[in-house]
Amino acid sequence: MLRKPMSTGLAMIGLLGILYFGYTLLTTGSVYISSLNDLDGTTLVMISVLIVTGVIAFKELNDLQAFGTVVIIVLSFIFLFESIYKFLFFDWVTDPEDLRTLLLQFGTASAIFLPLGLSYVRFNKAVYVFLALYVLFMFIWWITGYPQIFETEENRVIFLGADRIAVSLNSVFIWNRLTKIWLFLAFLFSISNKIQNRAYVPSEPQE
């Protein structure tokens, strides 16, 4: 722990995130955490699991490498979902501020190519399956009208052909969470534990 204070501290934050969600759920009965601006607790758990799993998987890397790689993976997960969500929900973004936010989110999400290029994250069969499920669920959600949790009851509907069907708040929440869980599992299973320390070591000067 003393040798790797940054990654150890990050792992502790991940564990605390899981415990805090459990405490909030037991005391309030709600998955939303009011002290964190009504953050959905399931998202906090996903982030925390990625952090702890990443720190364990990258234990062969030096402290800064492990810390940086885990942070990149977590941020990429968060902003990949958010940027795709915003792009689909708002269709073509016309407001300059929204467009700026969208581009920043896409840019942050693209940071995943760094650990991917270093083979710190890898695509395997499980990753492809979970990504396919994520795309399928997101497509169905979008093509049926993209109902949202924050919409009024009269506007919370799905469209099946010419039919307009009302859906419950819980149904929208479950579909939203399932869609995000598939992406989370794709990220989780992409983390490779077959890591060799790639820290740069200067070569000996040749005479």
N, C-alpha and C. Protein backbone atom coordinates (compact mmCIF):
# COMPACT_ATOMS: atom_id res chain seq x y z
N MET A 1 0.82 -1.21 0.00
CA MET A 1 0.00 0.00 0.00
C MET A 1 0.85 1.26 0.00
N LEU A 2 1.94 1.23 0.79
CA LEU A 2 2.82 2.39 0.86
C LEU A 2 3.56 2.59 -0.45
N ARG A 3 3.81 1.51 -1.16
CA ARG A 3 4.54 1.60 -2.43
C ARG A 3 3.66 2.16 -3.54
N LYS A 4 2.35 1.99 -3.43
CA LYS A 4 1.43 2.46 -4.47
C LYS A 4 0.29 3.26 -3.83
N PRO A 5 0.61 4.43 -3.30
CA PRO A 5 -0.43 5.21 -2.59
C PRO A 5 -1.55 5.70 -3.49
N MET A 6 -1.26 6.05 -4.75
CA MET A 6 -2.28 6.60 -5.62
C MET A 6 -3.32 5.55 -6.01
N SER A 7 -2.84 4.40 -6.50
CA SER A 7 -3.78 3.36 -6.91
C SER A 7 -4.48 2.73 -5.71
N THR A 8 -3.77 2.62 -4.57
CA THR A 8 -4.41 2.10 -3.36
C THR A 8 -5.51 3.04 -2.88
N GLY A 9 -5.22 4.33 -2.89
CA GLY A 9 -6.23 5.31 -2.51
C GLY A 9 -7.43 5.28 -3.44
N LEU A 10 -7.17 5.08 -4.73
CA LEU A 10 -8.25 5.00 -5.70
C LEU A 10 -9.13 3.79 -5.43
N ALA A 11 -8.49 2.66 -5.12
CA ALA A 11 -9.25 1.45 -4.79
C ALA A 11 -10.10 1.65 -3.54
N MET A 12 -9.57 2.36 -2.56
CA MET A 12 -10.32 2.64 -1.34
C MET A 12 -11.54 3.50 -1.65
N ILE A 13 -11.37 4.46 -2.56
CA ILE A 13 -12.51 5.29 -2.97
C ILE A 13 -13.59 4.43 -3.62
N GLY A 14 -13.15 3.46 -4.45
CA GLY A 14 -14.10 2.55 -5.08
C GLY A 14 -14.87 1.73 -4.06
N LEU A 15 -14.17 1.20 -3.07
CA LEU A 15 -14.83 0.42 -2.02
C LEU A 15 -15.80 1.29 -1.21
N LEU A 16 -15.38 2.50 -0.90
CA LEU A 16 -16.24 3.42 -0.17
C LEU A 16 -17.50 3.77 -0.96
N GLY A 17 -17.35 3.87 -2.29
CA GLY A 17 -18.51 4.15 -3.14
C GLY A 17 -19.56 3.06 -3.04
N ILE A 18 -19.11 1.80 -3.05
CA ILE A 18 -20.04 0.67 -2.93
C ILE A 18 -20.71 0.68 -1.56
N LEU A 19 -19.91 0.89 -0.50
CA LEU A 19 -20.45 0.91 0.85
C LEU A 19 -21.42 2.07 1.06
N TYR A 20 -21.09 3.22 0.46
CA TYR A 20 -21.95 4.39 0.63
C TYR A 20 -23.30 4.18 -0.05
N PHE A 21 -23.28 3.55 -1.21
CA PHE A 21 -24.55 3.25 -1.89
C PHE A 21 -25.38 2.29 -1.04
N GLY A 22 -24.72 1.26 -0.49
CA GLY A 22 -25.45 0.32 0.36
C GLY A 22 -26.06 1.01 1.57
N TYR A 23 -25.30 1.91 2.17
CA TYR A 23 -25.79 2.66 3.34
C TYR A 23 -26.99 3.53 2.94
N THR A 24 -26.88 4.22 1.82
CA THR A 24 -27.97 5.09 1.36
C THR A 24 -29.22 4.29 1.05
N LEU A 25 -29.04 3.15 0.40
CA LEU A 25 -30.18 2.30 0.04
C LEU A 25 -30.89 1.79 1.29
N LEU A 26 -30.11 1.40 2.30
CA LEU A 26 -30.70 0.87 3.53
C LEU A 26 -31.40 1.96 4.35
N THR A 27 -30.86 3.16 4.34
CA THR A 27 -31.41 4.23 5.19
C THR A 27 -32.53 5.01 4.53
N THR A 28 -32.50 5.11 3.21
CA THR A 28 -33.52 5.91 2.51
C THR A 28 -34.47 5.06 1.67
N GLY A 29 -34.03 3.86 1.29
CA GLY A 29 -34.85 3.02 0.44
C GLY A 29 -34.88 3.47 -1.00
N SER A 30 -34.02 4.42 -1.36
CA SER A 30 -33.98 4.96 -2.72
C SER A 30 -32.62 4.69 -3.35
N VAL A 31 -32.62 4.45 -4.66
CA VAL A 31 -31.36 4.24 -5.37
C VAL A 31 -30.70 5.57 -5.72
N TYR A 32 -31.41 6.66 -5.54
CA TYR A 32 -30.85 7.97 -5.82
C TYR A 32 -30.19 8.54 -4.57
N ILE A 33 -29.01 9.12 -4.73
CA ILE A 33 -28.23 9.64 -3.61
C ILE A 33 -28.36 11.15 -3.59
N SER A 34 -29.16 11.67 -2.67
CA SER A 34 -29.45 13.10 -2.62
C SER A 34 -28.20 13.93 -2.33
N SER A 35 -27.28 13.39 -1.53
CA SER A 35 -26.07 14.14 -1.18
C SER A 35 -25.12 14.28 -2.36
N LEU A 36 -25.34 13.50 -3.41
CA LEU A 36 -24.52 13.59 -4.62
C LEU A 36 -25.36 14.09 -5.79
N ASN A 37 -26.21 15.08 -5.51
CA ASN A 37 -27.05 15.69 -6.54
C ASN A 37 -27.96 14.67 -7.21
N ASP A 38 -28.54 13.79 -6.38
CA ASP A 38 -29.48 12.76 -6.83
C ASP A 38 -28.86 11.83 -7.87
N LEU A 39 -27.59 11.53 -7.69
CA LEU A 39 -26.92 10.57 -8.57
C LEU A 39 -27.56 9.20 -8.42
N ASP A 40 -27.76 8.52 -9.54
CA ASP A 40 -28.27 7.16 -9.50
C ASP A 40 -27.20 6.26 -8.88
N GLY A 41 -27.54 5.60 -7.78
CA GLY A 41 -26.56 4.79 -7.06
C GLY A 41 -26.02 3.62 -7.86
N THR A 42 -26.81 3.11 -8.82
CA THR A 42 -26.30 2.00 -9.62
C THR A 42 -25.11 2.43 -10.47
N THR A 43 -25.13 3.68 -10.91
CA THR A 43 -23.98 4.21 -11.66
C THR A 43 -22.76 4.29 -10.76
N LEU A 44 -22.95 4.73 -9.52
CA LEU A 44 -21.85 4.79 -8.56
C LEU A 44 -21.25 3.41 -8.33
N VAL A 45 -22.09 2.39 -8.24
CA VAL A 45 -21.60 1.02 -8.05
C VAL A 45 -20.80 0.56 -9.26
N MET A 46 -21.30 0.84 -10.47
CA MET A 46 -20.58 0.46 -11.68
C MET A 46 -19.20 1.11 -11.72
N ILE A 47 -19.15 2.39 -11.42
CA ILE A 47 -17.87 3.11 -11.41
C ILE A 47 -16.94 2.51 -10.37
N SER A 48 -17.47 2.24 -9.19
CA SER A 48 -16.66 1.70 -8.10
C SER A 48 -16.10 0.32 -8.44
N VAL A 49 -16.92 -0.52 -9.06
CA VAL A 49 -16.46 -1.86 -9.44
C VAL A 49 -15.37 -1.77 -10.50
N LEU A 50 -15.53 -0.87 -11.47
CA LEU A 50 -14.48 -0.68 -12.48
C LEU A 50 -13.18 -0.22 -11.83
N ILE A 51 -13.27 0.66 -10.84
CA ILE A 51 -12.08 1.15 -10.16
C ILE A 51 -11.36 0.02 -9.45
N VAL A 52 -12.08 -0.72 -8.62
CA VAL A 52 -11.46 -1.80 -7.84
C VAL A 52 -10.90 -2.88 -8.76
N THR A 53 -11.67 -3.28 -9.77
CA THR A 53 -11.22 -4.30 -10.71
C THR A 53 -9.98 -3.85 -11.46
N GLY A 54 -9.98 -2.59 -11.89
CA GLY A 54 -8.83 -2.06 -12.62
C GLY A 54 -7.58 -2.02 -11.78
N VAL A 55 -7.69 -1.55 -10.54
CA VAL A 55 -6.51 -1.48 -9.66
C VAL A 55 -5.93 -2.88 -9.43
N ILE A 56 -6.80 -3.87 -9.24
CA ILE A 56 -6.33 -5.25 -9.04
C ILE A 56 -5.68 -5.79 -10.31
N ALA A 57 -6.33 -5.55 -11.46
CA ALA A 57 -5.82 -6.08 -12.73
C ALA A 57 -4.49 -5.46 -13.12
N PHE A 58 -4.30 -4.19 -12.77
CA PHE A 58 -3.09 -3.47 -13.19
C PHE A 58 -2.05 -3.39 -12.08
N LYS A 59 -2.05 -4.35 -11.19
CA LYS A 59 -1.10 -4.32 -10.07
C LYS A 59 0.34 -4.45 -10.51
N GLU A 60 0.57 -4.99 -11.72
CA GLU A 60 1.94 -5.13 -12.21
C GLU A 60 2.49 -3.82 -12.77
N LEU A 61 1.61 -2.86 -13.01
CA LEU A 61 2.07 -1.56 -13.50
C LEU A 61 2.57 -0.73 -12.33
N ASN A 62 3.35 0.31 -12.64
CA ASN A 62 3.75 1.19 -11.54
C ASN A 62 2.55 2.02 -11.09
N ASP A 63 2.71 2.71 -9.98
CA ASP A 63 1.58 3.39 -9.34
C ASP A 63 0.90 4.39 -10.26
N LEU A 64 1.67 5.23 -10.93
CA LEU A 64 1.10 6.26 -11.79
C LEU A 64 0.41 5.64 -13.00
N GLN A 65 1.02 4.60 -13.59
CA GLN A 65 0.40 3.93 -14.73
C GLN A 65 -0.94 3.32 -14.35
N ALA A 66 -0.97 2.61 -13.23
CA ALA A 66 -2.22 1.97 -12.79
C ALA A 66 -3.29 3.01 -12.50
N PHE A 67 -2.93 4.05 -11.78
CA PHE A 67 -3.88 5.11 -11.44
C PHE A 67 -4.43 5.77 -12.70
N GLY A 68 -3.54 6.17 -13.60
CA GLY A 68 -3.97 6.86 -14.82
C GLY A 68 -4.83 5.99 -15.72
N THR A 69 -4.47 4.71 -15.84
CA THR A 69 -5.23 3.81 -16.71
C THR A 69 -6.64 3.60 -16.17
N VAL A 70 -6.76 3.40 -14.87
CA VAL A 70 -8.08 3.20 -14.27
C VAL A 70 -8.94 4.45 -14.42
N VAL A 71 -8.36 5.61 -14.20
CA VAL A 71 -9.11 6.87 -14.35
C VAL A 71 -9.60 7.02 -15.79
N ILE A 72 -8.75 6.71 -16.76
CA ILE A 72 -9.15 6.81 -18.17
C ILE A 72 -10.31 5.87 -18.47
N ILE A 73 -10.23 4.63 -17.99
CA ILE A 73 -11.29 3.66 -18.24
C ILE A 73 -12.61 4.13 -17.64
N VAL A 74 -12.57 4.62 -16.42
CA VAL A 74 -13.79 5.07 -15.75
C VAL A 74 -14.40 6.27 -16.46
N LEU A 75 -13.58 7.26 -16.79
CA LEU A 75 -14.09 8.44 -17.48
C LEU A 75 -14.63 8.08 -18.86
N SER A 76 -13.97 7.17 -19.55
CA SER A 76 -14.44 6.75 -20.87
C SER A 76 -15.80 6.08 -20.76
N PHE A 77 -15.97 5.24 -19.75
CA PHE A 77 -17.26 4.57 -19.54
C PHE A 77 -18.36 5.60 -19.29
N ILE A 78 -18.10 6.53 -18.39
CA ILE A 78 -19.11 7.54 -18.04
C ILE A 78 -19.52 8.37 -19.26
N PHE A 79 -18.53 8.88 -19.96
CA PHE A 79 -18.84 9.84 -21.02
C PHE A 79 -19.20 9.19 -22.35
N LEU A 80 -18.83 7.92 -22.55
CA LEU A 80 -19.31 7.23 -23.75
C LEU A 80 -20.82 7.06 -23.67
N PHE A 81 -21.29 6.60 -22.53
CA PHE A 81 -22.74 6.44 -22.37
C PHE A 81 -23.44 7.79 -22.47
N GLU A 82 -22.92 8.80 -21.78
CA GLU A 82 -23.57 10.11 -21.76
C GLU A 82 -23.59 10.77 -23.13
N SER A 83 -22.50 10.65 -23.87
CA SER A 83 -22.44 11.31 -25.18
C SER A 83 -23.37 10.64 -26.18
N ILE A 84 -23.42 9.32 -26.18
CA ILE A 84 -24.34 8.62 -27.09
C ILE A 84 -25.78 8.91 -26.69
N TYR A 85 -26.03 8.90 -25.39
CA TYR A 85 -27.37 9.22 -24.87
C TYR A 85 -27.80 10.61 -25.33
N LYS A 86 -26.93 11.59 -25.16
CA LYS A 86 -27.27 12.97 -25.53
C LYS A 86 -27.45 13.09 -27.04
N PHE A 87 -26.59 12.45 -27.81
CA PHE A 87 -26.68 12.54 -29.26
C PHE A 87 -28.00 11.98 -29.77
N LEU A 88 -28.42 10.83 -29.23
CA LEU A 88 -29.66 10.21 -29.69
C LEU A 88 -30.88 10.97 -29.18
N PHE A 89 -30.82 11.39 -27.93
CA PHE A 89 -32.00 12.02 -27.33
C PHE A 89 -32.26 13.40 -27.92
N PHE A 90 -31.20 14.16 -28.12
CA PHE A 90 -31.38 15.51 -28.63
C PHE A 90 -31.31 15.57 -30.15
N ASP A 91 -31.20 14.40 -30.80
CA ASP A 91 -31.07 14.35 -32.25
C ASP A 91 -29.90 15.24 -32.68
N TRP A 92 -30.15 16.19 -33.55
CA TRP A 92 -29.06 17.07 -33.99
C TRP A 92 -28.98 18.26 -33.05
N VAL A 93 -27.88 18.38 -32.35
CA VAL A 93 -27.71 19.45 -31.37
C VAL A 93 -27.47 20.76 -32.10
N THR A 94 -28.29 21.76 -31.80
CA THR A 94 -28.15 23.05 -32.48
C THR A 94 -27.62 24.13 -31.55
N ASP A 95 -27.88 23.99 -30.24
CA ASP A 95 -27.39 24.98 -29.30
C ASP A 95 -25.87 24.86 -29.16
N PRO A 96 -25.12 25.96 -29.33
CA PRO A 96 -23.65 25.89 -29.27
C PRO A 96 -23.13 25.31 -27.96
N GLU A 97 -23.78 25.63 -26.86
CA GLU A 97 -23.33 25.11 -25.56
C GLU A 97 -23.53 23.60 -25.47
N ASP A 98 -24.68 23.12 -25.97
CA ASP A 98 -24.93 21.68 -25.98
C ASP A 98 -23.95 20.96 -26.90
N LEU A 99 -23.68 21.57 -28.05
CA LEU A 99 -22.74 20.97 -28.99
C LEU A 99 -21.34 20.91 -28.39
N ARG A 100 -20.95 21.95 -27.70
CA ARG A 100 -19.64 21.97 -27.04
C ARG A 100 -19.55 20.86 -26.00
N THR A 101 -20.60 20.72 -25.20
CA THR A 101 -20.62 19.67 -24.18
C THR A 101 -20.54 18.29 -24.81
N LEU A 102 -21.30 18.11 -25.90
CA LEU A 102 -21.30 16.82 -26.59
C LEU A 102 -19.92 16.47 -27.12
N LEU A 103 -19.25 17.45 -27.74
CA LEU A 103 -17.91 17.21 -28.28
C LEU A 103 -16.91 16.90 -27.18
N LEU A 104 -17.03 17.58 -26.04
CA LEU A 104 -16.14 17.31 -24.91
C LEU A 104 -16.37 15.90 -24.37
N GLN A 105 -17.63 15.47 -24.34
CA GLN A 105 -17.93 14.13 -23.86
C GLN A 105 -17.39 13.07 -24.81
N PHE A 106 -17.56 13.28 -26.12
CA PHE A 106 -17.01 12.35 -27.09
C PHE A 106 -15.48 12.30 -26.99
N GLY A 107 -14.87 13.47 -26.80
CA GLY A 107 -13.42 13.53 -26.68
C GLY A 107 -12.92 12.78 -25.47
N THR A 108 -13.60 12.95 -24.34
CA THR A 108 -13.21 12.24 -23.12
C THR A 108 -13.39 10.74 -23.29
N ALA A 109 -14.50 10.34 -23.91
CA ALA A 109 -14.76 8.92 -24.12
C ALA A 109 -13.69 8.28 -25.01
N SER A 110 -13.18 9.05 -25.97
CA SER A 110 -12.19 8.49 -26.91
C SER A 110 -10.85 8.21 -26.25
N ALA A 111 -10.66 8.67 -25.01
CA ALA A 111 -9.41 8.39 -24.30
C ALA A 111 -9.19 6.91 -24.09
N ILE A 112 -10.25 6.11 -24.22
CA ILE A 112 -10.13 4.66 -24.04
C ILE A 112 -9.18 4.05 -25.07
N PHE A 113 -8.94 4.75 -26.18
CA PHE A 113 -8.03 4.21 -27.19
C PHE A 113 -6.59 4.12 -26.69
N LEU A 114 -6.24 4.92 -25.67
CA LEU A 114 -4.89 4.84 -25.12
C LEU A 114 -4.64 3.50 -24.44
N PRO A 115 -5.42 3.10 -23.42
CA PRO A 115 -5.20 1.78 -22.84
C PRO A 115 -5.48 0.65 -23.81
N LEU A 116 -6.36 0.89 -24.79
CA LEU A 116 -6.62 -0.14 -25.80
C LEU A 116 -5.38 -0.35 -26.65
N GLY A 117 -4.73 0.74 -27.03
CA GLY A 117 -3.51 0.63 -27.83
C GLY A 117 -2.37 -0.02 -27.09
N LEU A 118 -2.36 0.11 -25.77
CA LEU A 118 -1.31 -0.50 -24.95
C LEU A 118 -1.69 -1.91 -24.49
N SER A 119 -2.83 -2.41 -24.97
CA SER A 119 -3.34 -3.74 -24.61
C SER A 119 -3.70 -3.85 -23.13
N TYR A 120 -3.95 -2.72 -22.49
CA TYR A 120 -4.42 -2.76 -21.10
C TYR A 120 -5.91 -3.10 -21.06
N VAL A 121 -6.61 -2.80 -22.13
CA VAL A 121 -7.97 -3.29 -22.30
C VAL A 121 -8.01 -4.04 -23.63
N ARG A 122 -8.77 -5.12 -23.66
CA ARG A 122 -8.79 -5.96 -24.85
C ARG A 122 -10.21 -6.39 -25.18
N PHE A 123 -10.44 -6.58 -26.46
CA PHE A 123 -11.73 -7.09 -26.90
C PHE A 123 -11.69 -8.61 -26.90
N ASN A 124 -12.71 -9.22 -26.33
CA ASN A 124 -12.85 -10.67 -26.35
C ASN A 124 -14.31 -11.00 -26.63
N LYS A 125 -14.66 -12.28 -26.62
CA LYS A 125 -16.03 -12.67 -26.98
C LYS A 125 -17.06 -12.04 -26.06
N ALA A 126 -16.76 -12.02 -24.76
CA ALA A 126 -17.71 -11.44 -23.81
C ALA A 126 -17.94 -9.96 -24.09
N VAL A 127 -16.87 -9.25 -24.40
CA VAL A 127 -16.99 -7.81 -24.70
C VAL A 127 -17.88 -7.59 -25.92
N TYR A 128 -17.67 -8.38 -26.97
CA TYR A 128 -18.49 -8.24 -28.17
C TYR A 128 -19.96 -8.53 -27.88
N VAL A 129 -20.22 -9.55 -27.06
CA VAL A 129 -21.61 -9.89 -26.72
C VAL A 129 -22.27 -8.75 -25.96
N PHE A 130 -21.59 -8.21 -24.96
CA PHE A 130 -22.17 -7.14 -24.15
C PHE A 130 -22.32 -5.85 -24.96
N LEU A 131 -21.39 -5.58 -25.85
CA LEU A 131 -21.53 -4.40 -26.71
C LEU A 131 -22.72 -4.55 -27.65
N ALA A 132 -22.91 -5.78 -28.17
CA ALA A 132 -24.05 -6.03 -29.05
C ALA A 132 -25.36 -5.84 -28.30
N LEU A 133 -25.42 -6.32 -27.06
CA LEU A 133 -26.62 -6.13 -26.25
C LEU A 133 -26.86 -4.66 -25.94
N TYR A 134 -25.78 -3.94 -25.68
CA TYR A 134 -25.91 -2.50 -25.42
C TYR A 134 -26.49 -1.79 -26.65
N VAL A 135 -25.95 -2.07 -27.81
CA VAL A 135 -26.43 -1.45 -29.05
C VAL A 135 -27.89 -1.82 -29.30
N LEU A 136 -28.23 -3.09 -29.08
CA LEU A 136 -29.61 -3.55 -29.30
C LEU A 136 -30.58 -2.84 -28.37
N PHE A 137 -30.25 -2.79 -27.08
CA PHE A 137 -31.14 -2.13 -26.12
C PHE A 137 -31.25 -0.64 -26.39
N MET A 138 -30.13 -0.01 -26.72
CA MET A 138 -30.16 1.41 -27.02
C MET A 138 -30.99 1.68 -28.27
N PHE A 139 -30.86 0.82 -29.28
CA PHE A 139 -31.61 0.99 -30.53
C PHE A 139 -33.11 0.85 -30.28
N ILE A 140 -33.50 -0.19 -29.53
CA ILE A 140 -34.92 -0.40 -29.24
C ILE A 140 -35.48 0.78 -28.45
N TRP A 141 -34.70 1.23 -27.48
CA TRP A 141 -35.12 2.38 -26.66
C TRP A 141 -35.32 3.62 -27.53
N TRP A 142 -34.40 3.84 -28.45
CA TRP A 142 -34.46 5.02 -29.31
C TRP A 142 -35.59 4.92 -30.34
N ILE A 143 -35.73 3.75 -30.97
CA ILE A 143 -36.69 3.59 -32.06
C ILE A 143 -38.13 3.61 -31.56
N THR A 144 -38.33 3.32 -30.27
CA THR A 144 -39.69 3.32 -29.72
C THR A 144 -40.07 4.66 -29.09
N GLY A 145 -39.24 5.66 -29.27
CA GLY A 145 -39.60 6.99 -28.80
C GLY A 145 -38.73 7.54 -27.70
N TYR A 146 -37.82 6.71 -27.18
CA TYR A 146 -36.85 7.16 -26.18
C TYR A 146 -37.51 7.78 -24.95
N PRO A 147 -38.46 7.09 -24.31
CA PRO A 147 -39.11 7.66 -23.11
C PRO A 147 -38.10 7.90 -22.00
N GLN A 148 -38.30 8.97 -21.24
CA GLN A 148 -37.35 9.37 -20.21
C GLN A 148 -37.98 9.36 -18.82
N ILE A 149 -37.15 9.18 -17.82
CA ILE A 149 -37.61 9.15 -16.44
C ILE A 149 -38.21 10.49 -16.04
N PHE A 150 -37.60 11.57 -16.51
CA PHE A 150 -38.02 12.90 -16.07
C PHE A 150 -39.25 13.42 -16.81
N GLU A 151 -39.75 12.70 -17.80
CA GLU A 151 -40.92 13.16 -18.55
C GLU A 151 -42.19 13.00 -17.72
N THR A 152 -43.20 13.80 -18.05
CA THR A 152 -44.49 13.66 -17.38
C THR A 152 -45.14 12.35 -17.80
N GLU A 153 -46.10 11.91 -17.01
CA GLU A 153 -46.72 10.61 -17.26
C GLU A 153 -47.37 10.55 -18.64
N GLU A 154 -47.99 11.65 -19.08
CA GLU A 154 -48.67 11.65 -20.37
C GLU A 154 -47.69 11.60 -21.54
N ASN A 155 -46.46 12.05 -21.32
CA ASN A 155 -45.45 12.02 -22.38
C ASN A 155 -44.54 10.80 -22.31
N ARG A 156 -44.67 10.01 -21.25
CA ARG A 156 -43.82 8.84 -21.08
C ARG A 156 -44.46 7.66 -21.80
N VAL A 157 -44.24 7.61 -23.11
CA VAL A 157 -44.88 6.61 -23.95
C VAL A 157 -43.86 6.01 -24.90
N ILE A 158 -44.22 4.84 -25.45
CA ILE A 158 -43.45 4.26 -26.54
C ILE A 158 -44.36 4.14 -27.75
N PHE A 159 -43.75 4.11 -28.92
CA PHE A 159 -44.50 4.04 -30.16
C PHE A 159 -44.21 2.71 -30.84
N LEU A 160 -45.24 1.93 -31.06
CA LEU A 160 -45.13 0.67 -31.79
C LEU A 160 -46.02 0.79 -33.02
N GLY A 161 -45.39 1.17 -34.13
CA GLY A 161 -46.17 1.46 -35.32
C GLY A 161 -47.03 2.68 -35.08
N ALA A 162 -48.33 2.52 -35.27
CA ALA A 162 -49.25 3.63 -35.04
C ALA A 162 -49.75 3.67 -33.59
N ASP A 163 -49.37 2.69 -32.80
CA ASP A 163 -49.84 2.62 -31.41
C ASP A 163 -48.97 3.47 -30.50
N ARG A 164 -49.64 4.13 -29.57
CA ARG A 164 -48.97 4.97 -28.57
C ARG A 164 -49.26 4.35 -27.20
N ILE A 165 -48.24 3.75 -26.58
CA ILE A 165 -48.45 2.96 -25.37
C ILE A 165 -47.77 3.64 -24.19
N ALA A 166 -48.54 3.88 -23.14
CA ALA A 166 -47.99 4.49 -21.92
C ALA A 166 -47.12 3.47 -21.19
N VAL A 167 -46.02 3.93 -20.63
CA VAL A 167 -45.13 3.05 -19.88
C VAL A 167 -44.90 3.65 -18.49
N SER A 168 -44.67 2.78 -17.53
CA SER A 168 -44.49 3.24 -16.16
C SER A 168 -43.09 3.80 -15.95
N LEU A 169 -42.96 4.57 -14.89
CA LEU A 169 -41.66 5.13 -14.53
C LEU A 169 -40.66 4.02 -14.24
N ASN A 170 -41.09 2.97 -13.56
CA ASN A 170 -40.20 1.85 -13.23
C ASN A 170 -39.72 1.13 -14.48
N SER A 171 -40.61 1.00 -15.48
CA SER A 171 -40.23 0.33 -16.73
C SER A 171 -39.13 1.10 -17.45
N VAL A 172 -39.27 2.41 -17.50
CA VAL A 172 -38.25 3.24 -18.14
C VAL A 172 -36.94 3.15 -17.37
N PHE A 173 -37.02 3.19 -16.04
CA PHE A 173 -35.81 3.11 -15.21
C PHE A 173 -35.08 1.79 -15.44
N ILE A 174 -35.83 0.69 -15.45
CA ILE A 174 -35.21 -0.63 -15.63
C ILE A 174 -34.56 -0.74 -17.00
N TRP A 175 -35.24 -0.26 -18.04
CA TRP A 175 -34.66 -0.32 -19.39
C TRP A 175 -33.40 0.54 -19.47
N ASN A 176 -33.45 1.71 -18.87
CA ASN A 176 -32.28 2.60 -18.84
C ASN A 176 -31.11 1.92 -18.16
N ARG A 177 -31.37 1.30 -16.99
CA ARG A 177 -30.29 0.65 -16.24
C ARG A 177 -29.74 -0.57 -16.98
N LEU A 178 -30.62 -1.36 -17.59
CA LEU A 178 -30.16 -2.53 -18.33
C LEU A 178 -29.26 -2.11 -19.49
N THR A 179 -29.66 -1.05 -20.17
CA THR A 179 -28.84 -0.55 -21.28
C THR A 179 -27.46 -0.16 -20.80
N LYS A 180 -27.39 0.54 -19.68
CA LYS A 180 -26.10 0.98 -19.15
C LYS A 180 -25.29 -0.19 -18.59
N ILE A 181 -25.97 -1.18 -18.02
CA ILE A 181 -25.27 -2.34 -17.47
C ILE A 181 -24.54 -3.11 -18.55
N TRP A 182 -25.13 -3.23 -19.74
CA TRP A 182 -24.45 -3.95 -20.83
C TRP A 182 -23.15 -3.24 -21.19
N LEU A 183 -23.18 -1.91 -21.25
CA LEU A 183 -21.95 -1.17 -21.55
C LEU A 183 -20.94 -1.33 -20.42
N PHE A 184 -21.42 -1.28 -19.19
CA PHE A 184 -20.55 -1.48 -18.03
C PHE A 184 -19.86 -2.85 -18.09
N LEU A 185 -20.61 -3.89 -18.39
CA LEU A 185 -20.03 -5.24 -18.46
C LEU A 185 -19.02 -5.35 -19.59
N ALA A 186 -19.28 -4.65 -20.70
CA ALA A 186 -18.30 -4.65 -21.79
C ALA A 186 -16.98 -4.04 -21.32
N PHE A 187 -17.05 -2.93 -20.61
CA PHE A 187 -15.83 -2.31 -20.06
C PHE A 187 -15.18 -3.22 -19.03
N LEU A 188 -15.99 -3.82 -18.17
CA LEU A 188 -15.45 -4.67 -17.10
C LEU A 188 -14.69 -5.86 -17.66
N PHE A 189 -15.27 -6.52 -18.66
CA PHE A 189 -14.64 -7.71 -19.23
C PHE A 189 -13.51 -7.36 -20.20
N SER A 190 -13.39 -6.08 -20.55
CA SER A 190 -12.28 -5.69 -21.43
C SER A 190 -10.99 -5.47 -20.66
N ILE A 191 -11.10 -5.29 -19.35
CA ILE A 191 -9.90 -5.05 -18.54
C ILE A 191 -9.06 -6.31 -18.52
N SER A 192 -7.83 -6.18 -18.97
CA SER A 192 -6.95 -7.34 -19.06
C SER A 192 -6.08 -7.44 -17.82
N ASN A 193 -5.96 -8.67 -17.30
CA ASN A 193 -5.06 -8.89 -16.16
C ASN A 193 -3.72 -9.47 -16.61
N LYS A 194 -3.55 -9.56 -17.91
CA LYS A 194 -2.29 -10.07 -18.45
C LYS A 194 -1.41 -8.88 -18.84
N ILE A 195 -0.92 -8.20 -17.81
CA ILE A 195 -0.19 -6.95 -18.00
C ILE A 195 1.26 -7.15 -17.64
N GLN A 196 2.12 -6.60 -18.44
CA GLN A 196 3.52 -6.51 -18.10
C GLN A 196 3.85 -5.05 -17.87
N ASN A 197 4.71 -4.78 -16.93
CA ASN A 197 5.07 -3.40 -16.63
C ASN A 197 5.76 -2.78 -17.84
N ARG A 198 5.17 -1.71 -18.35
CA ARG A 198 5.71 -1.08 -19.55
C ARG A 198 6.39 0.24 -19.23
N ALA A 199 6.79 0.40 -18.00
CA ALA A 199 7.48 1.64 -17.62
C ALA A 199 8.74 1.81 -18.45
N TYR A 200 9.00 3.03 -18.86
CA TYR A 200 10.16 3.30 -19.71
C TYR A 200 11.44 3.23 -18.88
N VAL A 201 12.35 2.41 -19.34
CA VAL A 201 13.65 2.27 -18.68
C VAL A 201 14.72 2.67 -19.69
N PRO A 202 15.48 3.72 -19.42
CA PRO A 202 16.50 4.17 -20.38
C PRO A 202 17.54 3.08 -20.60
N SER A 203 17.95 2.94 -21.84
CA SER A 203 18.97 1.95 -22.15
C SER A 203 20.34 2.46 -21.71
N GLU A 204 21.23 1.52 -21.51
CA GLU A 204 22.58 1.88 -21.11
C GLU A 204 23.29 2.57 -22.27
N PRO A 205 24.01 3.63 -22.01
CA PRO A 205 24.73 4.30 -23.10
C PRO A 205 25.79 3.38 -23.70
N GLN A 206 25.86 3.40 -24.99
CA GLN A 206 26.84 2.57 -25.68
C GLN A 206 28.11 3.36 -25.94
N GLU A 207 29.21 2.69 -25.75
CA GLU A 207 30.50 3.35 -25.99
C GLU A 207 30.89 3.26 -27.45
